[in-house]
C-alpha atoms as a PDB file:
ATOM      1  CA  MET A   1      -0.190   0.274  -0.132  1.00  0.00           C
ATOM      2  CA  THR A   2       2.663   2.245   0.784  1.00  0.00           C
ATOM      3  CA  LYS A   3       4.375   1.496  -2.610  1.00  0.00           C
ATOM      4  CA  ASP A   4       0.635   2.440  -4.058  1.00  0.00           C
ATOM      5  CA  LEU A   5       0.447   5.698  -2.456  1.00  0.00           C
ATOM      6  CA  GLN A   6       4.247   6.564  -3.770  1.00  0.00           C
ATOM      7  CA  LYS A   7       3.497   5.461  -7.258  1.00  0.00           C
ATOM      8  CA  LYS A   8       0.206   7.685  -7.127  1.00  0.00           C
ATOM      9  CA  LEU A   9       2.102  10.521  -6.289  1.00  0.00           C
ATOM     10  CA  LYS A  10       4.318  10.334  -8.446  1.00  0.00           C
ATOM     11  CA  SER A  11       2.513  10.004 -11.134  1.00  0.00           C
ATOM     12  CA  ARG A  12       0.366  12.603 -10.473  1.00  0.00           C
ATOM     13  CA  TRP A  13       3.056  15.322  -9.671  1.00  0.00           C
ATOM     14  CA  ASP A  14       2.901  17.879 -12.051  1.00  0.00           C
ATOM     15  CA  THR A  15      -0.748  17.924 -11.861  1.00  0.00           C
ATOM     16  CA  PHE A  16      -0.783  19.320  -8.239  1.00  0.00           C
ATOM     17  CA  THR A  17      -0.435  22.755  -7.442  1.00  0.00           C
ATOM     18  CA  THR A  18       2.158  24.286  -5.587  1.00  0.00           C
ATOM     19  CA  ALA A  19       0.638  23.841  -1.812  1.00  0.00           C
ATOM     20  CA  GLU A  20      -0.604  20.123  -2.890  1.00  0.00           C
ATOM     21  CA  GLN A  21       3.224  19.522  -4.196  1.00  0.00           C
ATOM     22  CA  ARG A  22       4.197  20.683  -0.239  1.00  0.00           C
ATOM     23  CA  ILE A  23       2.113  18.113   1.249  1.00  0.00           C
ATOM     24  CA  ALA A  24       2.996  15.300  -1.548  1.00  0.00           C
ATOM     25  CA  GLY A  25       6.743  15.820  -0.831  1.00  0.00           C
ATOM     26  CA  TYR A  26       6.255  15.653   2.912  1.00  0.00           C
ATOM     27  CA  LEU A  27       4.315  12.805   2.045  1.00  0.00           C
ATOM     28  CA  LEU A  28       7.013  11.038   0.419  1.00  0.00           C
ATOM     29  CA  GLN A  29       9.580  11.674   2.435  1.00  0.00           C
ATOM     30  CA  ASN A  30       7.862  11.176   5.560  1.00  0.00           C
ATOM     31  CA  ILE A  31       5.457   8.470   4.915  1.00  0.00           C
ATOM     32  CA  SER A  32       6.621   6.226   8.016  1.00  0.00           C
ATOM     33  CA  GLY A  33       5.364   9.042  10.330  1.00  0.00           C
ATOM     34  CA  ILE A  34       2.074   9.419   9.138  1.00  0.00           C
ATOM     35  CA  PRO A  35       0.409   7.163  11.376  1.00  0.00           C
ATOM     36  CA  PHE A  36       1.336   9.780  14.085  1.00  0.00           C
ATOM     37  CA  GLU A  37      -0.211  12.502  12.064  1.00  0.00           C
ATOM     38  CA  THR A  38      -3.555  14.818  11.696  1.00  0.00           C
ATOM     39  CA  ALA A  39      -4.639  16.656   9.032  1.00  0.00           C
ATOM     40  CA  ALA A  40      -3.826  19.752  11.380  1.00  0.00           C
ATOM     41  CA  SER A  41      -0.155  18.559  12.343  1.00  0.00           C
ATOM     42  CA  LEU A  42       0.415  17.909   8.432  1.00  0.00           C
ATOM     43  CA  GLY A  43      -0.923  21.489   7.397  1.00  0.00           C
ATOM     44  CA  LYS A  44       1.511  23.271  10.002  1.00  0.00           C
ATOM     45  CA  ARG A  45       4.141  20.836   8.965  1.00  0.00           C
ATOM     46  CA  VAL A  46       3.804  22.381   5.407  1.00  0.00           C
ATOM     47  CA  GLY A  47       2.281  25.290   5.769  1.00  0.00           C
ATOM     48  CA  VAL A  48      -0.863  24.957   4.470  1.00  0.00           C
ATOM     49  CA  SER A  49      -4.702  24.814   6.093  1.00  0.00           C
ATOM     50  CA  ALA A  50      -5.766  21.376   7.327  1.00  0.00           C
ATOM     51  CA  MET A  51      -9.088  21.773   5.064  1.00  0.00           C
ATOM     52  CA  THR A  52      -6.408  21.775   1.976  1.00  0.00           C
ATOM     53  CA  VAL A  53      -4.641  19.024   3.291  1.00  0.00           C
ATOM     54  CA  GLY A  54      -8.419  17.123   3.723  1.00  0.00           C
ATOM     55  CA  ARG A  55      -9.055  18.097   0.221  1.00  0.00           C
ATOM     56  CA  PHE A  56      -5.819  16.708  -1.018  1.00  0.00           C
ATOM     57  CA  LEU A  57      -6.273  13.372   0.532  1.00  0.00           C
ATOM     58  CA  ARG A  58      -9.913  13.172  -1.004  1.00  0.00           C
ATOM     59  CA  ASN A  59      -8.535  14.038  -5.077  1.00  0.00           C
ATOM     60  CA  LEU A  60      -6.560  11.123  -3.773  1.00  0.00           C
ATOM     61  CA  GLY A  61      -9.107   8.867  -3.328  1.00  0.00           C
ATOM     62  CA  TYR A  62      -9.248   9.095   0.406  1.00  0.00           C
ATOM     63  CA  ASP A  63     -11.881  10.124   2.919  1.00  0.00           C
ATOM     64  CA  GLY A  64      -9.316  12.039   4.770  1.00  0.00           C
ATOM     65  CA  VAL A  65      -6.031  11.376   7.006  1.00  0.00           C
ATOM     66  CA  SER A  66      -8.103   8.864   9.054  1.00  0.00           C
ATOM     67  CA  GLU A  67      -8.633   6.395   6.113  1.00  0.00           C
ATOM     68  CA  LEU A  68      -4.585   7.099   5.200  1.00  0.00           C
ATOM     69  CA  LYS A  69      -3.544   6.899   8.378  1.00  0.00           C
ATOM     70  CA  GLU A  70      -5.515   3.156   8.949  1.00  0.00           C
ATOM     71  CA  GLU A  71      -4.296   1.900   5.670  1.00  0.00           C
ATOM     72  CA  LEU A  72      -0.533   2.547   6.882  1.00  0.00           C
ATOM     73  CA  ARG A  73      -1.088   1.024  10.176  1.00  0.00           C
ATOM     74  CA  GLY A  74      -2.706  -1.831   8.589  1.00  0.00           C
ATOM     75  CA  GLU A  75       0.824  -2.503   6.716  1.00  0.00           C
ATOM     76  CA  ALA A  76       2.936  -1.578   9.854  1.00  0.00           C
ATOM     77  CA  SER A  77       5.247   0.196   7.441  1.00  0.00           C
ATOM     78  CA  TRP A  78       5.922   2.678   9.959  1.00  0.00           C
ATOM     79  CA  MET A  79       7.476   0.192  12.329  1.00  0.00           C
ATOM     80  CA  GLN A  80       9.834  -0.709  10.515  1.00  0.00           C
ATOM     81  CA  LEU A  81      11.974   2.376  11.465  1.00  0.00           C
ATOM     82  CA  TYR A  82      12.224  -0.042  14.854  1.00  0.00           C
ATOM     83  CA  ARG A  83      11.868  -3.562  14.043  1.00  0.00           C
ATOM     84  CA  ILE A  84      15.231  -5.398  14.106  1.00  0.00           C
ATOM     85  CA  ALA A  85      15.016  -8.053  11.154  1.00  0.00           C
ATOM     86  CA  GLU A  86      15.361 -11.572  12.318  1.00  0.00           C
ATOM     87  CA  PRO A  87      19.080 -13.080  11.810  1.00  0.00           C
ATOM     88  CA  PRO A  88      20.113 -15.890  10.576  1.00  0.00           C
ATOM     89  CA  ALA A  89      20.740 -18.840  13.369  1.00  0.00           C
ATOM     90  CA  ASN A  90      24.207 -18.486  12.722  1.00  0.00           C
ATOM     91  CA  ALA A  91      24.762 -14.778  12.693  1.00  0.00           C
ATOM     92  CA  ASP A  92      27.387 -12.702  14.387  1.00  0.00           C
ATOM     93  CA  HIS A  93      25.628 -10.477  16.336  1.00  0.00           C
ATOM     94  CA  VAL A  94      28.949  -8.700  17.760  1.00  0.00           C
ATOM     95  CA  SER A  95      30.672  -8.402  14.268  1.00  0.00           C
ATOM     96  CA  GLU A  96      26.995  -7.016  12.534  1.00  0.00           C
ATOM     97  CA  ALA A  97      27.225  -4.293  15.613  1.00  0.00           C
ATOM     98  CA  LEU A  98      30.574  -3.316  14.696  1.00  0.00           C
ATOM     99  CA  GLN A  99      30.059  -3.105  11.183  1.00  0.00           C
ATOM    100  CA  ALA A 100      26.918  -0.914  11.555  1.00  0.00           C
ATOM    101  CA  GLU A 101      29.312   1.411  13.697  1.00  0.00           C
ATOM    102  CA  ILE A 102      31.812   1.633  11.531  1.00  0.00           C
ATOM    103  CA  ARG A 103      29.249   2.519   8.956  1.00  0.00           C
ATOM    104  CA  SER A 104      28.200   5.170  10.946  1.00  0.00           C
ATOM    105  CA  LEU A 105      31.468   6.282  11.622  1.00  0.00           C
ATOM    106  CA  ASN A 106      32.381   6.723   8.304  1.00  0.00           C
ATOM    107  CA  ASP A 107      29.564   8.379   7.949  1.00  0.00           C
ATOM    108  CA  VAL A 108      30.097  11.104  10.558  1.00  0.00           C
ATOM    109  CA  TYR A 109      33.661  11.697   9.228  1.00  0.00           C
ATOM    110  CA  ALA A 110      32.126  12.666   5.678  1.00  0.00           C
ATOM    111  CA  LEU A 111      30.228  15.375   7.288  1.00  0.00           C
ATOM    112  CA  ALA A 112      33.857  17.002   8.344  1.00  0.00           C
ATOM    113  CA  ARG A 113      34.143  17.197   4.685  1.00  0.00           C
ATOM    114  CA  SER A 114      30.546  19.030   3.721  1.00  0.00           C
ATOM    115  CA  GLU A 115      30.675  22.112   2.473  1.00  0.00           C
ATOM    116  CA  GLU A 116      28.752  23.143   6.187  1.00  0.00           C
ATOM    117  CA  TRP A 117      31.375  21.909   8.180  1.00  0.00           C
ATOM    118  CA  ALA A 118      33.424  24.931   8.266  1.00  0.00           C
ATOM    119  CA  PRO A 119      30.628  27.662   8.155  1.00  0.00           C
ATOM    120  CA  ILE A 120      29.450  25.989  11.315  1.00  0.00           C
ATOM    121  CA  VAL A 121      33.373  25.715  12.766  1.00  0.00           C
ATOM    122  CA  LYS A 122      33.666  29.612  12.433  1.00  0.00           C
ATOM    123  CA  MET A 123      30.152  30.102  14.049  1.00  0.00           C
ATOM    124  CA  LEU A 124      30.878  27.998  17.263  1.00  0.00           C
ATOM    125  CA  VAL A 125      34.399  29.787  17.340  1.00  0.00           C
ATOM    126  CA  SER A 126      33.114  33.271  16.506  1.00  0.00           C
ATOM    127  CA  ALA A 127      30.308  33.784  18.335  1.00  0.00           C
ATOM    128  CA  ASP A 128      29.832  35.851  21.567  1.00  0.00           C
ATOM    129  CA  ARG A 129      27.953  33.373  23.288  1.00  0.00           C
ATOM    130  CA  VAL A 130      26.854  29.684  22.529  1.00  0.00           C
ATOM    131  CA  SER A 131      23.651  27.772  23.883  1.00  0.00           C
ATOM    132  CA  VAL A 132      22.984  24.175  23.595  1.00  0.00           C
ATOM    133  CA  ALA A 133      19.823  22.301  23.815  1.00  0.00           C
ATOM    134  CA  SER A 134      18.678  18.728  23.564  1.00  0.00           C
ATOM    135  CA  PHE A 135      15.688  16.811  24.525  1.00  0.00           C
ATOM    136  CA  GLN A 136      14.127  13.906  26.238  1.00  0.00           C
ATOM    137  CA  HIS A 137      15.966  10.682  26.086  1.00  0.00           C
ATOM    138  CA  GLY A 138      18.805  12.636  24.406  1.00  0.00           C
ATOM    139  CA  ALA A 139      19.279  15.242  26.652  1.00  0.00           C
ATOM    140  CA  PHE A 140      22.610  14.226  28.068  1.00  0.00           C
ATOM    141  CA  LEU A 141      23.806  14.451  24.253  1.00  0.00           C
ATOM    142  CA  GLY A 142      23.738  18.229  24.233  1.00  0.00           C
ATOM    143  CA  MET A 143      24.950  18.644  28.342  1.00  0.00           C
ATOM    144  CA  GLY A 144      28.032  16.509  27.448  1.00  0.00           C
ATOM    145  CA  PHE A 145      28.471  18.950  24.091  1.00  0.00           C
ATOM    146  CA  ALA A 146      28.305  22.093  26.231  1.00  0.00           C
ATOM    147  CA  SER A 147      30.748  20.735  28.705  1.00  0.00           C
ATOM    148  CA  SER A 148      32.930  19.819  25.926  1.00  0.00           C
ATOM    149  CA  LEU A 149      33.123  23.668  24.604  1.00  0.00           C
ATOM    150  CA  GLN A 150      33.165  24.800  27.882  1.00  0.00           C
ATOM    151  CA  HIS A 151      36.673  23.771  28.023  1.00  0.00           C
ATOM    152  CA  VAL A 152      37.870  25.433  24.682  1.00  0.00           C
ATOM    153  CA  ARG A 153      35.765  28.690  24.448  1.00  0.00           C
ATOM    154  CA  PRO A 154      33.750  30.926  26.980  1.00  0.00           C
ATOM    155  CA  ARG A 155      30.312  31.948  27.468  1.00  0.00           C
ATOM    156  CA  VAL A 156      28.632  28.458  26.743  1.00  0.00           C
ATOM    157  CA  SER A 157      25.936  27.305  28.471  1.00  0.00           C
ATOM    158  CA  PHE A 158      23.361  24.014  28.513  1.00  0.00           C
ATOM    159  CA  GLU A 159      19.694  25.183  28.138  1.00  0.00           C
ATOM    160  CA  SER A 160      17.217  22.392  29.958  1.00  0.00           C
ATOM    161  CA  GLY A 161      14.051  24.665  29.548  1.00  0.00           C
ATOM    162  CA  GLY A 162      13.390  23.591  32.895  1.00  0.00           C
ATOM    163  CA  ASP A 163      12.202  27.324  33.173  1.00  0.00           C
ATOM    164  CA  GLY A 164       9.349  26.415  30.995  1.00  0.00           C
ATOM    165  CA  SER A 165      10.666  29.389  28.310  1.00  0.00           C
ATOM    166  CA  TYR A 166      14.285  28.803  27.672  1.00  0.00           C
ATOM    167  CA  THR A 167      14.848  32.240  29.079  1.00  0.00           C
ATOM    168  CA  GLY A 168      18.996  31.957  28.369  1.00  0.00           C
ATOM    169  CA  LEU A 169      18.610  30.647  25.373  1.00  0.00           C
ATOM    170  CA  LEU A 170      16.399  33.205  23.721  1.00  0.00           C
ATOM    171  CA  LEU A 171      16.450  36.101  25.720  1.00  0.00           C
ATOM    172  CA  ASP A 172      20.179  36.701  26.091  1.00  0.00           C
ATOM    173  CA  SER A 173      21.376  35.229  22.496  1.00  0.00           C
ATOM    174  CA  THR A 174      21.974  38.189  19.921  1.00  0.00           C
ATOM    175  CA  ARG A 175      22.584  37.945  16.365  1.00  0.00           C
ATOM    176  CA  LYS A 176      26.420  37.818  17.051  1.00  0.00           C
ATOM    177  CA  SER A 177      25.609  34.540  19.133  1.00  0.00           C
ATOM    178  CA  CYS A 178      24.933  30.600  18.098  1.00  0.00           C
ATOM    179  CA  VAL A 179      22.013  28.497  19.077  1.00  0.00           C
ATOM    180  CA  VAL A 180      23.146  24.779  18.599  1.00  0.00           C
ATOM    181  CA  LEU A 181      19.814  22.482  18.774  1.00  0.00           C
ATOM    182  CA  ILE A 182      20.381  18.405  18.948  1.00  0.00           C
ATOM    183  CA  ASP A 183      17.800  15.914  18.889  1.00  0.00           C
ATOM    184  CA  ILE A 184      16.900  12.834  16.943  1.00  0.00           C
ATOM    185  CA  ARG A 185      13.848  10.597  15.726  1.00  0.00           C
ATOM    186  CA  ARG A 186      11.261  10.847  17.674  1.00  0.00           C
ATOM    187  CA  TYR A 187      11.596  14.323  17.785  1.00  0.00           C
ATOM    188  CA  SER A 188      10.647  16.379  21.075  1.00  0.00           C
ATOM    189  CA  ARG A 189       7.838  18.838  20.207  1.00  0.00           C
ATOM    190  CA  HIS A 190      10.530  21.388  21.695  1.00  0.00           C
ATOM    191  CA  PHE A 191      12.782  20.694  18.924  1.00  0.00           C
ATOM    192  CA  ARG A 192      10.955  22.581  16.023  1.00  0.00           C
ATOM    193  CA  LEU A 193       8.971  25.098  18.286  1.00  0.00           C
ATOM    194  CA  LEU A 194      12.443  26.616  19.584  1.00  0.00           C
ATOM    195  CA  ALA A 195      14.307  25.998  16.334  1.00  0.00           C
ATOM    196  CA  GLU A 196      11.469  28.129  14.461  1.00  0.00           C
ATOM    197  CA  GLU A 197      11.499  30.663  17.459  1.00  0.00           C
ATOM    198  CA  VAL A 198      15.489  30.888  17.383  1.00  0.00           C
ATOM    199  CA  VAL A 199      15.185  31.909  13.627  1.00  0.00           C
ATOM    200  CA  GLU A 200      12.367  34.371  13.937  1.00  0.00           C
ATOM    201  CA  ARG A 201      14.329  36.318  16.391  1.00  0.00           C
ATOM    202  CA  GLY A 202      17.291  36.064  14.300  1.00  0.00           C
ATOM    203  CA  ILE A 203      19.897  34.153  16.164  1.00  0.00           C
ATOM    204  CA  PRO A 204      22.097  31.937  14.233  1.00  0.00           C
ATOM    205  CA  LEU A 205      21.264  28.623  14.380  1.00  0.00           C
ATOM    206  CA  VAL A 206      23.132  24.931  13.875  1.00  0.00           C
ATOM    207  CA  ILE A 207      20.907  21.919  14.103  1.00  0.00           C
ATOM    208  CA  ILE A 208      22.669  18.363  14.576  1.00  0.00           C
ATOM    209  CA  THR A 209      19.968  15.869  13.942  1.00  0.00           C
ATOM    210  CA  ASP A 210      19.494  12.256  11.737  1.00  0.00           C
ATOM    211  CA  THR A 211      18.637  12.337   7.702  1.00  0.00           C
ATOM    212  CA  GLN A 212      14.832  11.792   8.854  1.00  0.00           C
ATOM    213  CA  CYS A 213      14.689  15.397   9.665  1.00  0.00           C
ATOM    214  CA  TYR A 214      13.103  16.926   7.173  1.00  0.00           C
ATOM    215  CA  TRP A 215      12.356  20.615   7.822  1.00  0.00           C
ATOM    216  CA  ALA A 216      15.721  21.536   9.428  1.00  0.00           C
ATOM    217  CA  ARG A 217      16.919  22.708   6.059  1.00  0.00           C
ATOM    218  CA  HIS A 218      13.918  24.618   6.052  1.00  0.00           C
ATOM    219  CA  LEU A 219      15.087  26.689   8.784  1.00  0.00           C
ATOM    220  CA  THR A 220      18.786  26.744   8.579  1.00  0.00           C
ATOM    221  CA  PRO A 221      21.797  25.875   6.049  1.00  0.00           C
ATOM    222  CA  HIS A 222      23.809  25.054   8.821  1.00  0.00           C
ATOM    223  CA  VAL A 223      22.556  21.407   9.378  1.00  0.00           C
ATOM    224  CA  LEU A 224      24.375  18.156   9.998  1.00  0.00           C
ATOM    225  CA  MET A 225      22.908  15.191   9.884  1.00  0.00           C
ATOM    226  CA  ILE A 226      23.520  11.873  10.603  1.00  0.00           C
ATOM    227  CA  PRO A 227      22.051   8.492   8.458  1.00  0.00           C
ATOM    228  CA  MET A 228      19.164   6.790  10.540  1.00  0.00           C
ATOM    229  CA  GLN A 229      20.274   3.350  11.174  1.00  0.00           C
ATOM    230  CA  THR A 230      16.645   1.942  10.039  1.00  0.00           C
ATOM    231  CA  GLY A 231      17.733  -1.843  11.501  1.00  0.00           C
ATOM    232  CA  ARG A 232      18.296  -1.241  14.876  1.00  0.00           C
ATOM    233  CA  ALA A 233      16.205  -1.198  17.903  1.00  0.00           C
ATOM    234  CA  TRP A 234      17.768   1.965  19.306  1.00  0.00           C
ATOM    235  CA  HIS A 235      20.070   4.898  18.107  1.00  0.00           C
ATOM    236  CA  SER A 236      23.752   4.630  18.342  1.00  0.00           C
ATOM    237  CA  PHE A 237      24.744   7.398  20.474  1.00  0.00           C
ATOM    238  CA  GLY A 238      28.354   7.096  19.641  1.00  0.00           C
ATOM    239  CA  THR A 239      28.198   8.239  16.332  1.00  0.00           C
ATOM    240  CA  LEU A 240      26.993  11.589  17.861  1.00  0.00           C
ATOM    241  CA  THR A 241      29.815  11.900  20.169  1.00  0.00           C
ATOM    242  CA  SER A 242      32.244  10.822  17.458  1.00  0.00           C
ATOM    243  CA  LEU A 243      30.493  13.828  15.536  1.00  0.00           C
ATOM    244  CA  PHE A 244      30.788  16.055  18.942  1.00  0.00           C
ATOM    245  CA  SER A 245      34.767  15.519  18.966  1.00  0.00           C
ATOM    246  CA  LEU A 246      35.352  16.018  15.336  1.00  0.00           C
ATOM    247  CA  LEU A 247      33.717  19.362  16.092  1.00  0.00           C
ATOM    248  CA  ILE A 248      35.782  20.049  19.157  1.00  0.00           C
ATOM    249  CA  ASN A 249      39.282  19.469  17.629  1.00  0.00           C
ATOM    250  CA  ALA A 250      38.201  21.437  14.234  1.00  0.00           C
ATOM    251  CA  MET A 251      37.743  23.874  17.036  1.00  0.00           C
ATOM    252  CA  ILE A 252      40.938  23.753  18.151  1.00  0.00           C
ATOM    253  CA  ARG A 253      42.842  24.027  14.998  1.00  0.00           C
ATOM    254  CA  GLU A 254      40.853  27.089  14.091  1.00  0.00           C
ATOM    255  CA  MET A 255      41.369  29.135  17.278  1.00  0.00           C
ATOM    256  CA  GLY A 256      45.059  27.788  18.155  1.00  0.00           C
ATOM    257  CA  ASP A 257      46.410  27.047  21.701  1.00  0.00           C
ATOM    258  CA  VAL A 258      43.575  26.601  24.068  1.00  0.00           C
ATOM    259  CA  PHE A 259      45.313  24.863  26.450  1.00  0.00           C
ATOM    260  CA  GLY A 260      45.787  27.760  28.988  1.00  0.00           C
ATOM    261  CA  ARG A 261      41.732  27.682  29.523  1.00  0.00           C
ATOM    262  CA  ILE A 262      42.008  24.040  29.808  1.00  0.00           C
ATOM    263  CA  GLY A 263      44.697  24.335  32.287  1.00  0.00           C
ATOM    264  CA  ASP A 264      42.682  27.065  34.400  1.00  0.00           C
ATOM    265  CA  ILE A 265      39.859  25.067  34.403  1.00  0.00           C
ATOM    266  CA  THR A 266      41.761  21.880  36.257  1.00  0.00           C
ATOM    267  CA  ASP A 267      43.680  24.241  38.398  1.00  0.00           C
ATOM    268  CA  MET A 268      40.162  25.490  39.461  1.00  0.00           C
ATOM    269  CA  ARG A 269      38.915  21.816  39.627  1.00  0.00           C
ATOM    270  CA  GLN A 270      41.822  20.799  41.498  1.00  0.00           C
ATOM    271  CA  LYS A 271      41.266  23.738  43.713  1.00  0.00           C
ATOM    272  CA  PHE A 272      37.233  23.198  45.016  1.00  0.00           C
ATOM    273  CA  ILE A 273      37.124  19.317  44.161  1.00  0.00           C
ATOM    274  CA  GLY A 274      40.614  17.722  43.924  1.00  0.00           C
ATOM    275  CA  TYR A 275      42.098  14.750  42.021  1.00  0.00           C
ATOM    276  CA  ASP A 276      43.437  11.506  43.383  1.00  0.00           C
ATOM    277  CA  GLY A 277      46.638  10.496  41.455  1.00  0.00           C
ATOM    278  CA  PRO A 278      49.348  12.287  40.075  1.00  0.00           C
ATOM    279  CA  SER A 279      48.406  14.561  36.684  1.00  0.00           C
ATOM    280  CA  LEU A 280      49.649  13.368  33.392  1.00  0.00           C
ATOM    281  CA  PRO A 281      52.445  15.202  31.920  1.00  0.00           C
ATOM    282  CA  GLY A 282      52.047  17.444  28.775  1.00  0.00           C
ATOM    283  CA  LYS A 283      51.926  20.890  27.113  1.00  0.00           C
ATOM    284  CA  GLY A 284      49.227  23.268  29.754  1.00  0.00           C
ATOM    285  CA  THR A 285      49.164  20.498  32.692  1.00  0.00           C
ATOM    286  CA  PRO A 286      49.277  21.769  35.750  1.00  0.00           C
ATOM    287  CA  ALA A 287      51.557  19.850  38.324  1.00  0.00           C
ATOM    288  CA  ASN A 288      50.034  18.230  41.060  1.00  0.00           C
ATOM    289  CA  ALA A 289      50.439  19.112  44.987  1.00  0.00           C
ATOM    290  CA  SER A 290      54.570  18.579  44.988  1.00  0.00           C
ATOM    291  CA  GLY A 291      55.232  22.281  44.737  1.00  0.00           C
ATOM    292  CA  LYS A 292      56.104  22.437  40.976  1.00  0.00           C
ATOM    293  CA  THR A 293      54.181  25.443  38.699  1.00  0.00           C
ATOM    294  CA  SER A 294      50.642  25.197  37.415  1.00  0.00           C
ATOM    295  CA  SER A 295      50.424  26.116  33.704  1.00  0.00           C
ATOM    296  CA  ARG A 296      49.689  29.738  34.445  1.00  0.00           C
ATOM    297  CA  GLY A 297      53.069  29.844  36.367  1.00  0.00           C
ATOM    298  CA  ARG A 298      51.752  30.113  39.858  1.00  0.00           C
ATOM    299  CA  LYS A 299      54.032  28.467  42.777  1.00  0.00           C
ATOM    300  CA  ARG A 300      51.894  25.395  44.364  1.00  0.00           C
ATOM    301  CA  THR A 301      52.281  25.028  47.620  1.00  0.00           C
ATOM    302  CA  PRO A 302      52.190  21.849  49.095  1.00  0.00           C
ATOM    303  CA  ALA A 303      49.249  20.604  50.904  1.00  0.00           C
ATOM    304  CA  THR A 304      49.527  19.799  54.571  1.00  0.00           C
ATOM    305  CA  ARG A 305      47.250  17.749  56.816  1.00  0.00           C
ATOM    306  CA  LYS A 306      46.492  18.332  60.681  1.00  0.00           C
ATOM    307  CA  PRO A 307      48.503  15.875  62.758  1.00  0.00           C
END
């Protein structure tokens, strides 16, 4: 049935109006998500009214979105995104997982050669402030990326939205700032709402997502998309953390020596929290409490213990 719908849309494409082509384009690219939509939500996604969506579907032979959804649900094609194919009896699951990770890493490293890469790196380096947000079970991704950014540049924050308004991200950012939004399917409702609000306020926006996010490039050219692994029941977060590492390393090359800042952060952690074990030798690494100088040349006083 999915193929019948796709064939119908493609064969009649030239007869559609501009608004109808927008609806048809969305259906072709996101057919797996249609069972979760309504006429109103479809219309909002493509910028037309719910009435236009209903009229378009009736012209295709459906009574409305409900009939189309039932047809797709009956086929259960949308479950392909989360269904694991039955493996052969002698399958080597570890090797298969390794090969999948290798393919994903190749895709991530290819992004570093894309035309979007260099402008995004420059934005992250030159912005007067960088705000990062991520959502739901992927919230830890943005928290980790923001923490890494703080090691190489000042004025970085992770915005959880806990205040209900993303105040720091929206009100404290300017046209010289940068907002980074991170999410993967199934996307949080906040993801698109926040992206649209950022663009409306004229704040430069970077989106990091997967290839199912059809609307991202409609809002900003600064998009990095990782291919979605449709044969796995769970997302590979390792590909995203690899992408973050590549971005951080590219920023370091753009900025030059950042070891002074990293050394200062290490000094403060030593002062407020402390470390257990010797420090590693290297450029900008502060010494331990043996009295050697830190990366800023300050003399350390050996810790004393009360008897």
